[in-house]
Amino acid sequence: QQMGGGGGGGDNSPLPASKGRAPKA
């Protein structure tokens, strides 16, 4: 593994995050 870290987010929605494509790095 060459890198580490991570992330997350949301807007306090009662529903779990939906499936979709990730934006570019």
PDBML (XML) file of the C-alpha atoms, coordinates in Angstrom:
<?xml version="1.0" encoding="UTF-8" ?>
<PDBx:datablock datablockName="MODEL"
   xmlns:PDBx="http://pdbml.pdb.org/schema/pdbx-v50.xsd"
   xmlns:xsi="http://www.w3.org/2001/XMLSchema-instance"
   xsi:schemaLocation="http://pdbml.pdb.org/schema/pdbx-v50.xsd pdbx-v50.xsd">
   <PDBx:atom_siteCategory>
      <PDBx:atom_site id="1">
         <PDBx:B_iso_or_equiv>0.00</PDBx:B_iso_or_equiv>
         <PDBx:Cartn_x>0.000</PDBx:Cartn_x>
         <PDBx:Cartn_y>0.000</PDBx:Cartn_y>
         <PDBx:Cartn_z>0.000</PDBx:Cartn_z>
         <PDBx:auth_asym_id>A</PDBx:auth_asym_id>
         <PDBx:auth_atom_id>CA</PDBx:auth_atom_id>
         <PDBx:auth_comp_id>GLN</PDBx:auth_comp_id>
         <PDBx:auth_seq_id>1</PDBx:auth_seq_id>
         <PDBx:group_PDB>ATOM</PDBx:group_PDB>
         <PDBx:label_alt_id xsi:nil="true" />
         <PDBx:label_asym_id>A</PDBx:label_asym_id>
         <PDBx:label_atom_id>CA</PDBx:label_atom_id>
         <PDBx:label_comp_id>GLN</PDBx:label_comp_id>
         <PDBx:label_entity_id>1</PDBx:label_entity_id>
         <PDBx:label_seq_id>1</PDBx:label_seq_id>
         <PDBx:occupancy>1.00</PDBx:occupancy>
         <PDBx:pdbx_PDB_model_num>1</PDBx:pdbx_PDB_model_num>
         <PDBx:type_symbol>C</PDBx:type_symbol>
      </PDBx:atom_site>
      <PDBx:atom_site id="2">
         <PDBx:B_iso_or_equiv>0.00</PDBx:B_iso_or_equiv>
         <PDBx:Cartn_x>1.482</PDBx:Cartn_x>
         <PDBx:Cartn_y>3.322</PDBx:Cartn_y>
         <PDBx:Cartn_z>-1.043</PDBx:Cartn_z>
         <PDBx:auth_asym_id>A</PDBx:auth_asym_id>
         <PDBx:auth_atom_id>CA</PDBx:auth_atom_id>
         <PDBx:auth_comp_id>GLN</PDBx:auth_comp_id>
         <PDBx:auth_seq_id>2</PDBx:auth_seq_id>
         <PDBx:group_PDB>ATOM</PDBx:group_PDB>
         <PDBx:label_alt_id xsi:nil="true" />
         <PDBx:label_asym_id>A</PDBx:label_asym_id>
         <PDBx:label_atom_id>CA</PDBx:label_atom_id>
         <PDBx:label_comp_id>GLN</PDBx:label_comp_id>
         <PDBx:label_entity_id>1</PDBx:label_entity_id>
         <PDBx:label_seq_id>2</PDBx:label_seq_id>
         <PDBx:occupancy>1.00</PDBx:occupancy>
         <PDBx:pdbx_PDB_model_num>1</PDBx:pdbx_PDB_model_num>
         <PDBx:type_symbol>C</PDBx:type_symbol>
      </PDBx:atom_site>
      <PDBx:atom_site id="3">
         <PDBx:B_iso_or_equiv>0.00</PDBx:B_iso_or_equiv>
         <PDBx:Cartn_x>-1.011</PDBx:Cartn_x>
         <PDBx:Cartn_y>5.746</PDBx:Cartn_y>
         <PDBx:Cartn_z>0.413</PDBx:Cartn_z>
         <PDBx:auth_asym_id>A</PDBx:auth_asym_id>
         <PDBx:auth_atom_id>CA</PDBx:auth_atom_id>
         <PDBx:auth_comp_id>MET</PDBx:auth_comp_id>
         <PDBx:auth_seq_id>3</PDBx:auth_seq_id>
         <PDBx:group_PDB>ATOM</PDBx:group_PDB>
         <PDBx:label_alt_id xsi:nil="true" />
         <PDBx:label_asym_id>A</PDBx:label_asym_id>
         <PDBx:label_atom_id>CA</PDBx:label_atom_id>
         <PDBx:label_comp_id>MET</PDBx:label_comp_id>
         <PDBx:label_entity_id>1</PDBx:label_entity_id>
         <PDBx:label_seq_id>3</PDBx:label_seq_id>
         <PDBx:occupancy>1.00</PDBx:occupancy>
         <PDBx:pdbx_PDB_model_num>1</PDBx:pdbx_PDB_model_num>
         <PDBx:type_symbol>C</PDBx:type_symbol>
      </PDBx:atom_site>
      <PDBx:atom_site id="4">
         <PDBx:B_iso_or_equiv>0.00</PDBx:B_iso_or_equiv>
         <PDBx:Cartn_x>-3.409</PDBx:Cartn_x>
         <PDBx:Cartn_y>6.015</PDBx:Cartn_y>
         <PDBx:Cartn_z>3.307</PDBx:Cartn_z>
         <PDBx:auth_asym_id>A</PDBx:auth_asym_id>
         <PDBx:auth_atom_id>CA</PDBx:auth_atom_id>
         <PDBx:auth_comp_id>GLY</PDBx:auth_comp_id>
         <PDBx:auth_seq_id>4</PDBx:auth_seq_id>
         <PDBx:group_PDB>ATOM</PDBx:group_PDB>
         <PDBx:label_alt_id xsi:nil="true" />
         <PDBx:label_asym_id>A</PDBx:label_asym_id>
         <PDBx:label_atom_id>CA</PDBx:label_atom_id>
         <PDBx:label_comp_id>GLY</PDBx:label_comp_id>
         <PDBx:label_entity_id>1</PDBx:label_entity_id>
         <PDBx:label_seq_id>4</PDBx:label_seq_id>
         <PDBx:occupancy>1.00</PDBx:occupancy>
         <PDBx:pdbx_PDB_model_num>1</PDBx:pdbx_PDB_model_num>
         <PDBx:type_symbol>C</PDBx:type_symbol>
      </PDBx:atom_site>
      <PDBx:atom_site id="5">
         <PDBx:B_iso_or_equiv>0.00</PDBx:B_iso_or_equiv>
         <PDBx:Cartn_x>-6.061</PDBx:Cartn_x>
         <PDBx:Cartn_y>8.204</PDBx:Cartn_y>
         <PDBx:Cartn_z>4.816</PDBx:Cartn_z>
         <PDBx:auth_asym_id>A</PDBx:auth_asym_id>
         <PDBx:auth_atom_id>CA</PDBx:auth_atom_id>
         <PDBx:auth_comp_id>GLY</PDBx:auth_comp_id>
         <PDBx:auth_seq_id>5</PDBx:auth_seq_id>
         <PDBx:group_PDB>ATOM</PDBx:group_PDB>
         <PDBx:label_alt_id xsi:nil="true" />
         <PDBx:label_asym_id>A</PDBx:label_asym_id>
         <PDBx:label_atom_id>CA</PDBx:label_atom_id>
         <PDBx:label_comp_id>GLY</PDBx:label_comp_id>
         <PDBx:label_entity_id>1</PDBx:label_entity_id>
         <PDBx:label_seq_id>5</PDBx:label_seq_id>
         <PDBx:occupancy>1.00</PDBx:occupancy>
         <PDBx:pdbx_PDB_model_num>1</PDBx:pdbx_PDB_model_num>
         <PDBx:type_symbol>C</PDBx:type_symbol>
      </PDBx:atom_site>
      <PDBx:atom_site id="6">
         <PDBx:B_iso_or_equiv>0.00</PDBx:B_iso_or_equiv>
         <PDBx:Cartn_x>-9.714</PDBx:Cartn_x>
         <PDBx:Cartn_y>8.370</PDBx:Cartn_y>
         <PDBx:Cartn_z>3.968</PDBx:Cartn_z>
         <PDBx:auth_asym_id>A</PDBx:auth_asym_id>
         <PDBx:auth_atom_id>CA</PDBx:auth_atom_id>
         <PDBx:auth_comp_id>GLY</PDBx:auth_comp_id>
         <PDBx:auth_seq_id>6</PDBx:auth_seq_id>
         <PDBx:group_PDB>ATOM</PDBx:group_PDB>
         <PDBx:label_alt_id xsi:nil="true" />
         <PDBx:label_asym_id>A</PDBx:label_asym_id>
         <PDBx:label_atom_id>CA</PDBx:label_atom_id>
         <PDBx:label_comp_id>GLY</PDBx:label_comp_id>
         <PDBx:label_entity_id>1</PDBx:label_entity_id>
         <PDBx:label_seq_id>6</PDBx:label_seq_id>
         <PDBx:occupancy>1.00</PDBx:occupancy>
         <PDBx:pdbx_PDB_model_num>1</PDBx:pdbx_PDB_model_num>
         <PDBx:type_symbol>C</PDBx:type_symbol>
      </PDBx:atom_site>
      <PDBx:atom_site id="7">
         <PDBx:B_iso_or_equiv>0.00</PDBx:B_iso_or_equiv>
         <PDBx:Cartn_x>-12.815</PDBx:Cartn_x>
         <PDBx:Cartn_y>10.503</PDBx:Cartn_y>
         <PDBx:Cartn_z>4.117</PDBx:Cartn_z>
         <PDBx:auth_asym_id>A</PDBx:auth_asym_id>
         <PDBx:auth_atom_id>CA</PDBx:auth_atom_id>
         <PDBx:auth_comp_id>GLY</PDBx:auth_comp_id>
         <PDBx:auth_seq_id>7</PDBx:auth_seq_id>
         <PDBx:group_PDB>ATOM</PDBx:group_PDB>
         <PDBx:label_alt_id xsi:nil="true" />
         <PDBx:label_asym_id>A</PDBx:label_asym_id>
         <PDBx:label_atom_id>CA</PDBx:label_atom_id>
         <PDBx:label_comp_id>GLY</PDBx:label_comp_id>
         <PDBx:label_entity_id>1</PDBx:label_entity_id>
         <PDBx:label_seq_id>7</PDBx:label_seq_id>
         <PDBx:occupancy>1.00</PDBx:occupancy>
         <PDBx:pdbx_PDB_model_num>1</PDBx:pdbx_PDB_model_num>
         <PDBx:type_symbol>C</PDBx:type_symbol>
      </PDBx:atom_site>
      <PDBx:atom_site id="8">
         <PDBx:B_iso_or_equiv>0.00</PDBx:B_iso_or_equiv>
         <PDBx:Cartn_x>-16.534</PDBx:Cartn_x>
         <PDBx:Cartn_y>10.650</PDBx:Cartn_y>
         <PDBx:Cartn_z>4.552</PDBx:Cartn_z>
         <PDBx:auth_asym_id>A</PDBx:auth_asym_id>
         <PDBx:auth_atom_id>CA</PDBx:auth_atom_id>
         <PDBx:auth_comp_id>GLY</PDBx:auth_comp_id>
         <PDBx:auth_seq_id>8</PDBx:auth_seq_id>
         <PDBx:group_PDB>ATOM</PDBx:group_PDB>
         <PDBx:label_alt_id xsi:nil="true" />
         <PDBx:label_asym_id>A</PDBx:label_asym_id>
         <PDBx:label_atom_id>CA</PDBx:label_atom_id>
         <PDBx:label_comp_id>GLY</PDBx:label_comp_id>
         <PDBx:label_entity_id>1</PDBx:label_entity_id>
         <PDBx:label_seq_id>8</PDBx:label_seq_id>
         <PDBx:occupancy>1.00</PDBx:occupancy>
         <PDBx:pdbx_PDB_model_num>1</PDBx:pdbx_PDB_model_num>
         <PDBx:type_symbol>C</PDBx:type_symbol>
      </PDBx:atom_site>
      <PDBx:atom_site id="9">
         <PDBx:B_iso_or_equiv>0.00</PDBx:B_iso_or_equiv>
         <PDBx:Cartn_x>-19.458</PDBx:Cartn_x>
         <PDBx:Cartn_y>13.014</PDBx:Cartn_y>
         <PDBx:Cartn_z>4.628</PDBx:Cartn_z>
         <PDBx:auth_asym_id>A</PDBx:auth_asym_id>
         <PDBx:auth_atom_id>CA</PDBx:auth_atom_id>
         <PDBx:auth_comp_id>GLY</PDBx:auth_comp_id>
         <PDBx:auth_seq_id>9</PDBx:auth_seq_id>
         <PDBx:group_PDB>ATOM</PDBx:group_PDB>
         <PDBx:label_alt_id xsi:nil="true" />
         <PDBx:label_asym_id>A</PDBx:label_asym_id>
         <PDBx:label_atom_id>CA</PDBx:label_atom_id>
         <PDBx:label_comp_id>GLY</PDBx:label_comp_id>
         <PDBx:label_entity_id>1</PDBx:label_entity_id>
         <PDBx:label_seq_id>9</PDBx:label_seq_id>
         <PDBx:occupancy>1.00</PDBx:occupancy>
         <PDBx:pdbx_PDB_model_num>1</PDBx:pdbx_PDB_model_num>
         <PDBx:type_symbol>C</PDBx:type_symbol>
      </PDBx:atom_site>
      <PDBx:atom_site id="10">
         <PDBx:B_iso_or_equiv>0.00</PDBx:B_iso_or_equiv>
         <PDBx:Cartn_x>-23.188</PDBx:Cartn_x>
         <PDBx:Cartn_y>13.425</PDBx:Cartn_y>
         <PDBx:Cartn_z>4.501</PDBx:Cartn_z>
         <PDBx:auth_asym_id>A</PDBx:auth_asym_id>
         <PDBx:auth_atom_id>CA</PDBx:auth_atom_id>
         <PDBx:auth_comp_id>GLY</PDBx:auth_comp_id>
         <PDBx:auth_seq_id>10</PDBx:auth_seq_id>
         <PDBx:group_PDB>ATOM</PDBx:group_PDB>
         <PDBx:label_alt_id xsi:nil="true" />
         <PDBx:label_asym_id>A</PDBx:label_asym_id>
         <PDBx:label_atom_id>CA</PDBx:label_atom_id>
         <PDBx:label_comp_id>GLY</PDBx:label_comp_id>
         <PDBx:label_entity_id>1</PDBx:label_entity_id>
         <PDBx:label_seq_id>10</PDBx:label_seq_id>
         <PDBx:occupancy>1.00</PDBx:occupancy>
         <PDBx:pdbx_PDB_model_num>1</PDBx:pdbx_PDB_model_num>
         <PDBx:type_symbol>C</PDBx:type_symbol>
      </PDBx:atom_site>
      <PDBx:atom_site id="11">
         <PDBx:B_iso_or_equiv>0.00</PDBx:B_iso_or_equiv>
         <PDBx:Cartn_x>-25.970</PDBx:Cartn_x>
         <PDBx:Cartn_y>15.858</PDBx:Cartn_y>
         <PDBx:Cartn_z>5.381</PDBx:Cartn_z>
         <PDBx:auth_asym_id>A</PDBx:auth_asym_id>
         <PDBx:auth_atom_id>CA</PDBx:auth_atom_id>
         <PDBx:auth_comp_id>ASP</PDBx:auth_comp_id>
         <PDBx:auth_seq_id>11</PDBx:auth_seq_id>
         <PDBx:group_PDB>ATOM</PDBx:group_PDB>
         <PDBx:label_alt_id xsi:nil="true" />
         <PDBx:label_asym_id>A</PDBx:label_asym_id>
         <PDBx:label_atom_id>CA</PDBx:label_atom_id>
         <PDBx:label_comp_id>ASP</PDBx:label_comp_id>
         <PDBx:label_entity_id>1</PDBx:label_entity_id>
         <PDBx:label_seq_id>11</PDBx:label_seq_id>
         <PDBx:occupancy>1.00</PDBx:occupancy>
         <PDBx:pdbx_PDB_model_num>1</PDBx:pdbx_PDB_model_num>
         <PDBx:type_symbol>C</PDBx:type_symbol>
      </PDBx:atom_site>
      <PDBx:atom_site id="12">
         <PDBx:B_iso_or_equiv>0.00</PDBx:B_iso_or_equiv>
         <PDBx:Cartn_x>-27.567</PDBx:Cartn_x>
         <PDBx:Cartn_y>14.048</PDBx:Cartn_y>
         <PDBx:Cartn_z>8.353</PDBx:Cartn_z>
         <PDBx:auth_asym_id>A</PDBx:auth_asym_id>
         <PDBx:auth_atom_id>CA</PDBx:auth_atom_id>
         <PDBx:auth_comp_id>ASN</PDBx:auth_comp_id>
         <PDBx:auth_seq_id>12</PDBx:auth_seq_id>
         <PDBx:group_PDB>ATOM</PDBx:group_PDB>
         <PDBx:label_alt_id xsi:nil="true" />
         <PDBx:label_asym_id>A</PDBx:label_asym_id>
         <PDBx:label_atom_id>CA</PDBx:label_atom_id>
         <PDBx:label_comp_id>ASN</PDBx:label_comp_id>
         <PDBx:label_entity_id>1</PDBx:label_entity_id>
         <PDBx:label_seq_id>12</PDBx:label_seq_id>
         <PDBx:occupancy>1.00</PDBx:occupancy>
         <PDBx:pdbx_PDB_model_num>1</PDBx:pdbx_PDB_model_num>
         <PDBx:type_symbol>C</PDBx:type_symbol>
      </PDBx:atom_site>
      <PDBx:atom_site id="13">
         <PDBx:B_iso_or_equiv>0.00</PDBx:B_iso_or_equiv>
         <PDBx:Cartn_x>-29.979</PDBx:Cartn_x>
         <PDBx:Cartn_y>12.218</PDBx:Cartn_y>
         <PDBx:Cartn_z>6.082</PDBx:Cartn_z>
         <PDBx:auth_asym_id>A</PDBx:auth_asym_id>
         <PDBx:auth_atom_id>CA</PDBx:auth_atom_id>
         <PDBx:auth_comp_id>SER</PDBx:auth_comp_id>
         <PDBx:auth_seq_id>13</PDBx:auth_seq_id>
         <PDBx:group_PDB>ATOM</PDBx:group_PDB>
         <PDBx:label_alt_id xsi:nil="true" />
         <PDBx:label_asym_id>A</PDBx:label_asym_id>
         <PDBx:label_atom_id>CA</PDBx:label_atom_id>
         <PDBx:label_comp_id>SER</PDBx:label_comp_id>
         <PDBx:label_entity_id>1</PDBx:label_entity_id>
         <PDBx:label_seq_id>13</PDBx:label_seq_id>
         <PDBx:occupancy>1.00</PDBx:occupancy>
         <PDBx:pdbx_PDB_model_num>1</PDBx:pdbx_PDB_model_num>
         <PDBx:type_symbol>C</PDBx:type_symbol>
      </PDBx:atom_site>
      <PDBx:atom_site id="14">
         <PDBx:B_iso_or_equiv>0.00</PDBx:B_iso_or_equiv>
         <PDBx:Cartn_x>-31.948</PDBx:Cartn_x>
         <PDBx:Cartn_y>9.329</PDBx:Cartn_y>
         <PDBx:Cartn_z>7.637</PDBx:Cartn_z>
         <PDBx:auth_asym_id>A</PDBx:auth_asym_id>
         <PDBx:auth_atom_id>CA</PDBx:auth_atom_id>
         <PDBx:auth_comp_id>PRO</PDBx:auth_comp_id>
         <PDBx:auth_seq_id>14</PDBx:auth_seq_id>
         <PDBx:group_PDB>ATOM</PDBx:group_PDB>
         <PDBx:label_alt_id xsi:nil="true" />
         <PDBx:label_asym_id>A</PDBx:label_asym_id>
         <PDBx:label_atom_id>CA</PDBx:label_atom_id>
         <PDBx:label_comp_id>PRO</PDBx:label_comp_id>
         <PDBx:label_entity_id>1</PDBx:label_entity_id>
         <PDBx:label_seq_id>14</PDBx:label_seq_id>
         <PDBx:occupancy>1.00</PDBx:occupancy>
         <PDBx:pdbx_PDB_model_num>1</PDBx:pdbx_PDB_model_num>
         <PDBx:type_symbol>C</PDBx:type_symbol>
      </PDBx:atom_site>
      <PDBx:atom_site id="15">
         <PDBx:B_iso_or_equiv>0.00</PDBx:B_iso_or_equiv>
         <PDBx:Cartn_x>-31.205</PDBx:Cartn_x>
         <PDBx:Cartn_y>7.215</PDBx:Cartn_y>
         <PDBx:Cartn_z>4.531</PDBx:Cartn_z>
         <PDBx:auth_asym_id>A</PDBx:auth_asym_id>
         <PDBx:auth_atom_id>CA</PDBx:auth_atom_id>
         <PDBx:auth_comp_id>LEU</PDBx:auth_comp_id>
         <PDBx:auth_seq_id>15</PDBx:auth_seq_id>
         <PDBx:group_PDB>ATOM</PDBx:group_PDB>
         <PDBx:label_alt_id xsi:nil="true" />
         <PDBx:label_asym_id>A</PDBx:label_asym_id>
         <PDBx:label_atom_id>CA</PDBx:label_atom_id>
         <PDBx:label_comp_id>LEU</PDBx:label_comp_id>
         <PDBx:label_entity_id>1</PDBx:label_entity_id>
         <PDBx:label_seq_id>15</PDBx:label_seq_id>
         <PDBx:occupancy>1.00</PDBx:occupancy>
         <PDBx:pdbx_PDB_model_num>1</PDBx:pdbx_PDB_model_num>
         <PDBx:type_symbol>C</PDBx:type_symbol>
      </PDBx:atom_site>
      <PDBx:atom_site id="16">
         <PDBx:B_iso_or_equiv>0.00</PDBx:B_iso_or_equiv>
         <PDBx:Cartn_x>-27.844</PDBx:Cartn_x>
         <PDBx:Cartn_y>5.547</PDBx:Cartn_y>
         <PDBx:Cartn_z>3.860</PDBx:Cartn_z>
         <PDBx:auth_asym_id>A</PDBx:auth_asym_id>
         <PDBx:auth_atom_id>CA</PDBx:auth_atom_id>
         <PDBx:auth_comp_id>PRO</PDBx:auth_comp_id>
         <PDBx:auth_seq_id>16</PDBx:auth_seq_id>
         <PDBx:group_PDB>ATOM</PDBx:group_PDB>
         <PDBx:label_alt_id xsi:nil="true" />
         <PDBx:label_asym_id>A</PDBx:label_asym_id>
         <PDBx:label_atom_id>CA</PDBx:label_atom_id>
         <PDBx:label_comp_id>PRO</PDBx:label_comp_id>
         <PDBx:label_entity_id>1</PDBx:label_entity_id>
         <PDBx:label_seq_id>16</PDBx:label_seq_id>
         <PDBx:occupancy>1.00</PDBx:occupancy>
         <PDBx:pdbx_PDB_model_num>1</PDBx:pdbx_PDB_model_num>
         <PDBx:type_symbol>C</PDBx:type_symbol>
      </PDBx:atom_site>
      <PDBx:atom_site id="17">
         <PDBx:B_iso_or_equiv>0.00</PDBx:B_iso_or_equiv>
         <PDBx:Cartn_x>-25.594</PDBx:Cartn_x>
         <PDBx:Cartn_y>6.934</PDBx:Cartn_y>
         <PDBx:Cartn_z>1.150</PDBx:Cartn_z>
         <PDBx:auth_asym_id>A</PDBx:auth_asym_id>
         <PDBx:auth_atom_id>CA</PDBx:auth_atom_id>
         <PDBx:auth_comp_id>ALA</PDBx:auth_comp_id>
         <PDBx:auth_seq_id>17</PDBx:auth_seq_id>
         <PDBx:group_PDB>ATOM</PDBx:group_PDB>
         <PDBx:label_alt_id xsi:nil="true" />
         <PDBx:label_asym_id>A</PDBx:label_asym_id>
         <PDBx:label_atom_id>CA</PDBx:label_atom_id>
         <PDBx:label_comp_id>ALA</PDBx:label_comp_id>
         <PDBx:label_entity_id>1</PDBx:label_entity_id>
         <PDBx:label_seq_id>17</PDBx:label_seq_id>
         <PDBx:occupancy>1.00</PDBx:occupancy>
         <PDBx:pdbx_PDB_model_num>1</PDBx:pdbx_PDB_model_num>
         <PDBx:type_symbol>C</PDBx:type_symbol>
      </PDBx:atom_site>
      <PDBx:atom_site id="18">
         <PDBx:B_iso_or_equiv>0.00</PDBx:B_iso_or_equiv>
         <PDBx:Cartn_x>-26.746</PDBx:Cartn_x>
         <PDBx:Cartn_y>6.005</PDBx:Cartn_y>
         <PDBx:Cartn_z>-2.338</PDBx:Cartn_z>
         <PDBx:auth_asym_id>A</PDBx:auth_asym_id>
         <PDBx:auth_atom_id>CA</PDBx:auth_atom_id>
         <PDBx:auth_comp_id>SER</PDBx:auth_comp_id>
         <PDBx:auth_seq_id>18</PDBx:auth_seq_id>
         <PDBx:group_PDB>ATOM</PDBx:group_PDB>
         <PDBx:label_alt_id xsi:nil="true" />
         <PDBx:label_asym_id>A</PDBx:label_asym_id>
         <PDBx:label_atom_id>CA</PDBx:label_atom_id>
         <PDBx:label_comp_id>SER</PDBx:label_comp_id>
         <PDBx:label_entity_id>1</PDBx:label_entity_id>
         <PDBx:label_seq_id>18</PDBx:label_seq_id>
         <PDBx:occupancy>1.00</PDBx:occupancy>
         <PDBx:pdbx_PDB_model_num>1</PDBx:pdbx_PDB_model_num>
         <PDBx:type_symbol>C</PDBx:type_symbol>
      </PDBx:atom_site>
      <PDBx:atom_site id="19">
         <PDBx:B_iso_or_equiv>0.00</PDBx:B_iso_or_equiv>
         <PDBx:Cartn_x>-24.735</PDBx:Cartn_x>
         <PDBx:Cartn_y>4.243</PDBx:Cartn_y>
         <PDBx:Cartn_z>-5.011</PDBx:Cartn_z>
         <PDBx:auth_asym_id>A</PDBx:auth_asym_id>
         <PDBx:auth_atom_id>CA</PDBx:auth_atom_id>
         <PDBx:auth_comp_id>LYS</PDBx:auth_comp_id>
         <PDBx:auth_seq_id>19</PDBx:auth_seq_id>
         <PDBx:group_PDB>ATOM</PDBx:group_PDB>
         <PDBx:label_alt_id xsi:nil="true" />
         <PDBx:label_asym_id>A</PDBx:label_asym_id>
         <PDBx:label_atom_id>CA</PDBx:label_atom_id>
         <PDBx:label_comp_id>LYS</PDBx:label_comp_id>
         <PDBx:label_entity_id>1</PDBx:label_entity_id>
         <PDBx:label_seq_id>19</PDBx:label_seq_id>
         <PDBx:occupancy>1.00</PDBx:occupancy>
         <PDBx:pdbx_PDB_model_num>1</PDBx:pdbx_PDB_model_num>
         <PDBx:type_symbol>C</PDBx:type_symbol>
      </PDBx:atom_site>
      <PDBx:atom_site id="20">
         <PDBx:B_iso_or_equiv>0.00</PDBx:B_iso_or_equiv>
         <PDBx:Cartn_x>-23.113</PDBx:Cartn_x>
         <PDBx:Cartn_y>6.342</PDBx:Cartn_y>
         <PDBx:Cartn_z>-7.729</PDBx:Cartn_z>
         <PDBx:auth_asym_id>A</PDBx:auth_asym_id>
         <PDBx:auth_atom_id>CA</PDBx:auth_atom_id>
         <PDBx:auth_comp_id>GLY</PDBx:auth_comp_id>
         <PDBx:auth_seq_id>20</PDBx:auth_seq_id>
         <PDBx:group_PDB>ATOM</PDBx:group_PDB>
         <PDBx:label_alt_id xsi:nil="true" />
         <PDBx:label_asym_id>A</PDBx:label_asym_id>
         <PDBx:label_atom_id>CA</PDBx:label_atom_id>
         <PDBx:label_comp_id>GLY</PDBx:label_comp_id>
         <PDBx:label_entity_id>1</PDBx:label_entity_id>
         <PDBx:label_seq_id>20</PDBx:label_seq_id>
         <PDBx:occupancy>1.00</PDBx:occupancy>
         <PDBx:pdbx_PDB_model_num>1</PDBx:pdbx_PDB_model_num>
         <PDBx:type_symbol>C</PDBx:type_symbol>
      </PDBx:atom_site>
      <PDBx:atom_site id="21">
         <PDBx:B_iso_or_equiv>0.00</PDBx:B_iso_or_equiv>
         <PDBx:Cartn_x>-19.881</PDBx:Cartn_x>
         <PDBx:Cartn_y>7.260</PDBx:Cartn_y>
         <PDBx:Cartn_z>-9.408</PDBx:Cartn_z>
         <PDBx:auth_asym_id>A</PDBx:auth_asym_id>
         <PDBx:auth_atom_id>CA</PDBx:auth_atom_id>
         <PDBx:auth_comp_id>ARG</PDBx:auth_comp_id>
         <PDBx:auth_seq_id>21</PDBx:auth_seq_id>
         <PDBx:group_PDB>ATOM</PDBx:group_PDB>
         <PDBx:label_alt_id xsi:nil="true" />
         <PDBx:label_asym_id>A</PDBx:label_asym_id>
         <PDBx:label_atom_id>CA</PDBx:label_atom_id>
         <PDBx:label_comp_id>ARG</PDBx:label_comp_id>
         <PDBx:label_entity_id>1</PDBx:label_entity_id>
         <PDBx:label_seq_id>21</PDBx:label_seq_id>
         <PDBx:occupancy>1.00</PDBx:occupancy>
         <PDBx:pdbx_PDB_model_num>1</PDBx:pdbx_PDB_model_num>
         <PDBx:type_symbol>C</PDBx:type_symbol>
      </PDBx:atom_site>
      <PDBx:atom_site id="22">
         <PDBx:B_iso_or_equiv>0.00</PDBx:B_iso_or_equiv>
         <PDBx:Cartn_x>-17.066</PDBx:Cartn_x>
         <PDBx:Cartn_y>8.962</PDBx:Cartn_y>
         <PDBx:Cartn_z>-7.524</PDBx:Cartn_z>
         <PDBx:auth_asym_id>A</PDBx:auth_asym_id>
         <PDBx:auth_atom_id>CA</PDBx:auth_atom_id>
         <PDBx:auth_comp_id>ALA</PDBx:auth_comp_id>
         <PDBx:auth_seq_id>22</PDBx:auth_seq_id>
         <PDBx:group_PDB>ATOM</PDBx:group_PDB>
         <PDBx:label_alt_id xsi:nil="true" />
         <PDBx:label_asym_id>A</PDBx:label_asym_id>
         <PDBx:label_atom_id>CA</PDBx:label_atom_id>
         <PDBx:label_comp_id>ALA</PDBx:label_comp_id>
         <PDBx:label_entity_id>1</PDBx:label_entity_id>
         <PDBx:label_seq_id>22</PDBx:label_seq_id>
         <PDBx:occupancy>1.00</PDBx:occupancy>
         <PDBx:pdbx_PDB_model_num>1</PDBx:pdbx_PDB_model_num>
         <PDBx:type_symbol>C</PDBx:type_symbol>
      </PDBx:atom_site>
      <PDBx:atom_site id="23">
         <PDBx:B_iso_or_equiv>0.00</PDBx:B_iso_or_equiv>
         <PDBx:Cartn_x>-15.732</PDBx:Cartn_x>
         <PDBx:Cartn_y>12.345</PDBx:Cartn_y>
         <PDBx:Cartn_z>-8.677</PDBx:Cartn_z>
         <PDBx:auth_asym_id>A</PDBx:auth_asym_id>
         <PDBx:auth_atom_id>CA</PDBx:auth_atom_id>
         <PDBx:auth_comp_id>PRO</PDBx:auth_comp_id>
         <PDBx:auth_seq_id>23</PDBx:auth_seq_id>
         <PDBx:group_PDB>ATOM</PDBx:group_PDB>
         <PDBx:label_alt_id xsi:nil="true" />
         <PDBx:label_asym_id>A</PDBx:label_asym_id>
         <PDBx:label_atom_id>CA</PDBx:label_atom_id>
         <PDBx:label_comp_id>PRO</PDBx:label_comp_id>
         <PDBx:label_entity_id>1</PDBx:label_entity_id>
         <PDBx:label_seq_id>23</PDBx:label_seq_id>
         <PDBx:occupancy>1.00</PDBx:occupancy>
         <PDBx:pdbx_PDB_model_num>1</PDBx:pdbx_PDB_model_num>
         <PDBx:type_symbol>C</PDBx:type_symbol>
      </PDBx:atom_site>
      <PDBx:atom_site id="24">
         <PDBx:B_iso_or_equiv>0.00</PDBx:B_iso_or_equiv>
         <PDBx:Cartn_x>-12.242</PDBx:Cartn_x>
         <PDBx:Cartn_y>12.714</PDBx:Cartn_y>
         <PDBx:Cartn_z>-10.030</PDBx:Cartn_z>
         <PDBx:auth_asym_id>A</PDBx:auth_asym_id>
         <PDBx:auth_atom_id>CA</PDBx:auth_atom_id>
         <PDBx:auth_comp_id>LYS</PDBx:auth_comp_id>
         <PDBx:auth_seq_id>24</PDBx:auth_seq_id>
         <PDBx:group_PDB>ATOM</PDBx:group_PDB>
         <PDBx:label_alt_id xsi:nil="true" />
         <PDBx:label_asym_id>A</PDBx:label_asym_id>
         <PDBx:label_atom_id>CA</PDBx:label_atom_id>
         <PDBx:label_comp_id>LYS</PDBx:label_comp_id>
         <PDBx:label_entity_id>1</PDBx:label_entity_id>
         <PDBx:label_seq_id>24</PDBx:label_seq_id>
         <PDBx:occupancy>1.00</PDBx:occupancy>
         <PDBx:pdbx_PDB_model_num>1</PDBx:pdbx_PDB_model_num>
         <PDBx:type_symbol>C</PDBx:type_symbol>
      </PDBx:atom_site>
      <PDBx:atom_site id="25">
         <PDBx:B_iso_or_equiv>0.00</PDBx:B_iso_or_equiv>
         <PDBx:Cartn_x>-9.206</PDBx:Cartn_x>
         <PDBx:Cartn_y>12.825</PDBx:Cartn_y>
         <PDBx:Cartn_z>-7.770</PDBx:Cartn_z>
         <PDBx:auth_asym_id>A</PDBx:auth_asym_id>
         <PDBx:auth_atom_id>CA</PDBx:auth_atom_id>
         <PDBx:auth_comp_id>ALA</PDBx:auth_comp_id>
         <PDBx:auth_seq_id>25</PDBx:auth_seq_id>
         <PDBx:group_PDB>ATOM</PDBx:group_PDB>
         <PDBx:label_alt_id xsi:nil="true" />
         <PDBx:label_asym_id>A</PDBx:label_asym_id>
         <PDBx:label_atom_id>CA</PDBx:label_atom_id>
         <PDBx:label_comp_id>ALA</PDBx:label_comp_id>
         <PDBx:label_entity_id>1</PDBx:label_entity_id>
         <PDBx:label_seq_id>25</PDBx:label_seq_id>
         <PDBx:occupancy>1.00</PDBx:occupancy>
         <PDBx:pdbx_PDB_model_num>1</PDBx:pdbx_PDB_model_num>
         <PDBx:type_symbol>C</PDBx:type_symbol>
      </PDBx:atom_site>
   </PDBx:atom_siteCategory>
</PDBx:datablock>
